[in-house]
Amino acid sequence: MLINKRQVALFVGGALFGSVGTKLLQSRDAKKGYAHVVAAALRVKDEVVNNVAVLRENCSDIMAEARSINERRKSEEDAALVEDHSEEV
């Protein structure tokens, strides 16, 4: 088995990067940074949830108005049909 020098260098580099990366991830400053990022993500999530709630309310209002329009239109059409039939007799 012939091992390529490039493969060995990539393996050693990856191992070093992993070791250093693990130490960086465990540092106190990094944890503070992660906490700030997570806090910002939670604020964004709350804002999205609020926006979705407002959107649902608006959609419900629109649907109610549309149903009302259709009911009114249907009753007007029914009244017009009754008038047409009474005129024919």
N, C-alpha and C. Protein backbone atom coordinates (compact mmCIF):
# COMPACT_ATOMS: atom_id res chain seq x y z
N MET A 1 0.84 -1.18 0.00
CA MET A 1 0.00 0.00 0.00
C MET A 1 0.88 1.24 0.00
N LEU A 2 0.66 2.00 -0.97
CA LEU A 2 1.42 3.22 -1.11
C LEU A 2 0.56 4.38 -0.63
N ILE A 3 1.03 5.10 0.38
CA ILE A 3 0.27 6.23 0.93
C ILE A 3 0.83 7.51 0.33
N ASN A 4 -0.06 8.28 -0.19
CA ASN A 4 0.31 9.52 -0.82
C ASN A 4 0.65 10.56 0.25
N LYS A 5 1.70 11.36 0.03
CA LYS A 5 2.09 12.39 0.99
C LYS A 5 0.97 13.41 1.18
N ARG A 6 0.26 13.67 0.13
CA ARG A 6 -0.84 14.64 0.21
C ARG A 6 -1.93 14.12 1.15
N GLN A 7 -2.24 12.85 1.06
CA GLN A 7 -3.26 12.26 1.93
C GLN A 7 -2.83 12.33 3.39
N VAL A 8 -1.55 12.07 3.66
CA VAL A 8 -1.02 12.12 5.02
C VAL A 8 -1.10 13.56 5.53
N ALA A 9 -0.71 14.51 4.68
CA ALA A 9 -0.75 15.92 5.08
C ALA A 9 -2.18 16.36 5.37
N LEU A 10 -3.14 15.94 4.55
CA LEU A 10 -4.54 16.28 4.78
C LEU A 10 -5.05 15.67 6.08
N PHE A 11 -4.64 14.45 6.36
CA PHE A 11 -5.07 13.79 7.60
C PHE A 11 -4.51 14.52 8.82
N VAL A 12 -3.22 14.84 8.79
CA VAL A 12 -2.58 15.53 9.91
C VAL A 12 -3.19 16.93 10.07
N GLY A 13 -3.38 17.61 8.96
CA GLY A 13 -4.00 18.94 9.02
C GLY A 13 -5.41 18.88 9.59
N GLY A 14 -6.18 17.90 9.18
CA GLY A 14 -7.54 17.73 9.70
C GLY A 14 -7.54 17.43 11.18
N ALA A 15 -6.62 16.60 11.62
CA ALA A 15 -6.53 16.27 13.05
C ALA A 15 -6.16 17.51 13.86
N LEU A 16 -5.20 18.29 13.37
CA LEU A 16 -4.82 19.53 14.07
C LEU A 16 -5.98 20.52 14.09
N PHE A 17 -6.62 20.69 12.95
CA PHE A 17 -7.75 21.61 12.87
C PHE A 17 -8.87 21.18 13.81
N GLY A 18 -9.12 19.89 13.88
CA GLY A 18 -10.15 19.37 14.79
C GLY A 18 -9.80 19.61 16.24
N SER A 19 -8.54 19.41 16.60
CA SER A 19 -8.11 19.63 17.99
C SER A 19 -8.21 21.10 18.36
N VAL A 20 -7.71 21.96 17.51
CA VAL A 20 -7.78 23.40 17.78
C VAL A 20 -9.23 23.87 17.76
N GLY A 21 -9.99 23.36 16.82
CA GLY A 21 -11.40 23.74 16.73
C GLY A 21 -12.18 23.36 17.98
N THR A 22 -11.89 22.18 18.51
CA THR A 22 -12.56 21.73 19.73
C THR A 22 -12.22 22.65 20.90
N LYS A 23 -10.96 23.04 21.02
CA LYS A 23 -10.56 23.95 22.09
C LYS A 23 -11.24 25.30 21.93
N LEU A 24 -11.32 25.79 20.70
CA LEU A 24 -11.99 27.08 20.45
C LEU A 24 -13.47 27.01 20.79
N LEU A 25 -14.11 25.90 20.45
CA LEU A 25 -15.54 25.75 20.72
C LEU A 25 -15.83 25.70 22.21
N GLN A 26 -14.86 25.24 22.99
CA GLN A 26 -15.07 25.10 24.43
C GLN A 26 -14.67 26.34 25.22
N SER A 27 -14.13 27.35 24.56
CA SER A 27 -13.68 28.53 25.29
C SER A 27 -14.86 29.35 25.81
N ARG A 28 -14.62 30.10 26.87
CA ARG A 28 -15.65 30.90 27.51
C ARG A 28 -16.17 31.99 26.56
N ASP A 29 -15.25 32.64 25.84
CA ASP A 29 -15.66 33.69 24.90
C ASP A 29 -16.52 33.13 23.78
N ALA A 30 -16.16 31.95 23.30
CA ALA A 30 -16.95 31.33 22.23
C ALA A 30 -18.34 31.00 22.74
N LYS A 31 -18.45 30.50 23.95
CA LYS A 31 -19.76 30.17 24.51
C LYS A 31 -20.63 31.42 24.65
N LYS A 32 -20.02 32.54 25.03
CA LYS A 32 -20.77 33.80 25.10
C LYS A 32 -21.27 34.19 23.72
N GLY A 33 -20.42 34.02 22.74
CA GLY A 33 -20.81 34.32 21.36
C GLY A 33 -21.96 33.44 20.90
N TYR A 34 -21.88 32.15 21.22
CA TYR A 34 -22.95 31.23 20.85
C TYR A 34 -24.26 31.63 21.53
N ALA A 35 -24.15 32.04 22.80
CA ALA A 35 -25.36 32.45 23.53
C ALA A 35 -26.01 33.66 22.86
N HIS A 36 -25.20 34.61 22.40
CA HIS A 36 -25.74 35.78 21.72
C HIS A 36 -26.40 35.41 20.39
N VAL A 37 -25.78 34.50 19.68
CA VAL A 37 -26.34 34.05 18.41
C VAL A 37 -27.67 33.33 18.64
N VAL A 38 -27.71 32.47 19.64
CA VAL A 38 -28.95 31.74 19.93
C VAL A 38 -30.03 32.70 20.41
N ALA A 39 -29.65 33.69 21.22
CA ALA A 39 -30.63 34.68 21.69
C ALA A 39 -31.21 35.45 20.50
N ALA A 40 -30.37 35.81 19.54
CA ALA A 40 -30.86 36.51 18.35
C ALA A 40 -31.79 35.60 17.55
N ALA A 41 -31.43 34.35 17.44
CA ALA A 41 -32.29 33.40 16.70
C ALA A 41 -33.64 33.26 17.39
N LEU A 42 -33.66 33.25 18.71
CA LEU A 42 -34.93 33.15 19.44
C LEU A 42 -35.78 34.40 19.23
N ARG A 43 -35.14 35.58 19.18
CA ARG A 43 -35.90 36.81 18.90
C ARG A 43 -36.50 36.77 17.50
N VAL A 44 -35.73 36.28 16.55
CA VAL A 44 -36.24 36.16 15.18
C VAL A 44 -37.41 35.19 15.14
N LYS A 45 -37.28 34.07 15.84
CA LYS A 45 -38.36 33.08 15.88
C LYS A 45 -39.63 33.69 16.45
N ASP A 46 -39.50 34.44 17.55
CA ASP A 46 -40.67 35.08 18.16
C ASP A 46 -41.33 36.06 17.19
N GLU A 47 -40.52 36.82 16.47
CA GLU A 47 -41.06 37.78 15.51
C GLU A 47 -41.79 37.06 14.38
N VAL A 48 -41.23 35.97 13.91
CA VAL A 48 -41.87 35.19 12.84
C VAL A 48 -43.20 34.62 13.34
N VAL A 49 -43.22 34.10 14.56
CA VAL A 49 -44.46 33.55 15.12
C VAL A 49 -45.52 34.64 15.22
N ASN A 50 -45.12 35.84 15.66
CA ASN A 50 -46.07 36.95 15.75
C ASN A 50 -46.60 37.34 14.37
N ASN A 51 -45.70 37.39 13.39
CA ASN A 51 -46.12 37.74 12.03
C ASN A 51 -47.08 36.70 11.45
N VAL A 52 -46.83 35.44 11.74
CA VAL A 52 -47.72 34.38 11.25
C VAL A 52 -49.09 34.51 11.90
N ALA A 53 -49.13 34.85 13.17
CA ALA A 53 -50.41 35.02 13.87
C ALA A 53 -51.21 36.17 13.25
N VAL A 54 -50.55 37.28 12.96
CA VAL A 54 -51.22 38.42 12.32
C VAL A 54 -51.71 38.03 10.93
N LEU A 55 -50.89 37.32 10.19
CA LEU A 55 -51.27 36.89 8.85
C LEU A 55 -52.49 35.98 8.90
N ARG A 56 -52.53 35.06 9.85
CA ARG A 56 -53.69 34.16 9.99
C ARG A 56 -54.95 34.95 10.30
N GLU A 57 -54.84 35.94 11.19
CA GLU A 57 -56.00 36.76 11.52
C GLU A 57 -56.51 37.48 10.28
N ASN A 58 -55.58 38.06 9.53
CA ASN A 58 -55.97 38.78 8.31
C ASN A 58 -56.62 37.84 7.30
N CYS A 59 -56.07 36.65 7.15
CA CYS A 59 -56.65 35.68 6.22
C CYS A 59 -58.05 35.26 6.68
N SER A 60 -58.24 35.10 7.98
CA SER A 60 -59.56 34.75 8.49
C SER A 60 -60.56 35.85 8.20
N ASP A 61 -60.14 37.10 8.38
CA ASP A 61 -61.02 38.23 8.08
C ASP A 61 -61.39 38.26 6.60
N ILE A 62 -60.42 38.02 5.75
CA ILE A 62 -60.66 38.02 4.30
C ILE A 62 -61.62 36.90 3.92
N MET A 63 -61.41 35.71 4.49
CA MET A 63 -62.30 34.58 4.19
C MET A 63 -63.72 34.86 4.66
N ALA A 64 -63.87 35.45 5.83
CA ALA A 64 -65.20 35.77 6.34
C ALA A 64 -65.89 36.77 5.42
N GLU A 65 -65.18 37.77 4.98
CA GLU A 65 -65.75 38.77 4.08
C GLU A 65 -66.12 38.13 2.73
N ALA A 66 -65.27 37.26 2.22
CA ALA A 66 -65.55 36.58 0.95
C ALA A 66 -66.79 35.71 1.07
N ARG A 67 -66.93 34.99 2.16
CA ARG A 67 -68.14 34.17 2.36
C ARG A 67 -69.38 35.04 2.44
N SER A 68 -69.26 36.17 3.12
CA SER A 68 -70.38 37.09 3.23
C SER A 68 -70.78 37.63 1.86
N ILE A 69 -69.81 37.97 1.05
CA ILE A 69 -70.09 38.47 -0.31
C ILE A 69 -70.80 37.39 -1.13
N ASN A 70 -70.31 36.16 -1.05
CA ASN A 70 -70.93 35.07 -1.81
C ASN A 70 -72.35 34.78 -1.34
N GLU A 71 -72.57 34.82 -0.03
CA GLU A 71 -73.93 34.60 0.49
C GLU A 71 -74.87 35.70 0.02
N ARG A 72 -74.41 36.95 0.09
CA ARG A 72 -75.23 38.08 -0.37
C ARG A 72 -75.54 37.95 -1.86
N ARG A 73 -74.53 37.60 -2.63
CA ARG A 73 -74.71 37.45 -4.08
C ARG A 73 -75.69 36.32 -4.40
N LYS A 74 -75.56 35.21 -3.67
CA LYS A 74 -76.45 34.07 -3.88
C LYS A 74 -77.90 34.46 -3.56
N SER A 75 -78.10 35.19 -2.46
CA SER A 75 -79.47 35.58 -2.10
C SER A 75 -80.03 36.56 -3.12
N GLU A 76 -79.20 37.44 -3.68
CA GLU A 76 -79.66 38.36 -4.73
C GLU A 76 -80.03 37.59 -5.99
N GLU A 77 -79.22 36.59 -6.34
CA GLU A 77 -79.54 35.78 -7.53
C GLU A 77 -80.84 34.99 -7.31
N ASP A 78 -81.01 34.44 -6.12
CA ASP A 78 -82.24 33.70 -5.81
C ASP A 78 -83.46 34.62 -5.89
N ALA A 79 -83.31 35.84 -5.38
CA ALA A 79 -84.42 36.79 -5.43
C ALA A 79 -84.74 37.16 -6.88
N ALA A 80 -83.73 37.30 -7.70
CA ALA A 80 -83.95 37.63 -9.11
C ALA A 80 -84.64 36.48 -9.82
N LEU A 81 -84.29 35.23 -9.50
CA LEU A 81 -84.94 34.08 -10.10
C LEU A 81 -86.40 34.00 -9.70
N VAL A 82 -86.71 34.30 -8.45
CA VAL A 82 -88.09 34.27 -7.98
C VAL A 82 -88.90 35.33 -8.72
N GLU A 83 -88.33 36.51 -8.92
CA GLU A 83 -89.01 37.57 -9.66
C GLU A 83 -89.27 37.16 -11.10
N ASP A 84 -88.28 36.54 -11.74
CA ASP A 84 -88.44 36.11 -13.13
C ASP A 84 -89.57 35.09 -13.25
N HIS A 85 -89.64 34.15 -12.32
CA HIS A 85 -90.68 33.12 -12.38
C HIS A 85 -92.05 33.71 -12.10
N SER A 86 -92.13 34.69 -11.23
CA SER A 86 -93.43 35.28 -10.92
C SER A 86 -93.92 36.14 -12.08
N GLU A 87 -93.05 36.71 -12.87
CA GLU A 87 -93.44 37.52 -14.02
C GLU A 87 -93.93 36.63 -15.16
N GLU A 88 -93.39 35.40 -15.26
CA GLU A 88 -93.77 34.49 -16.35
C GLU A 88 -95.16 33.93 -16.15
N VAL A 89 -95.62 33.83 -14.94
CA VAL A 89 -96.91 33.20 -14.65
C VAL A 89 -98.03 34.09 -14.93
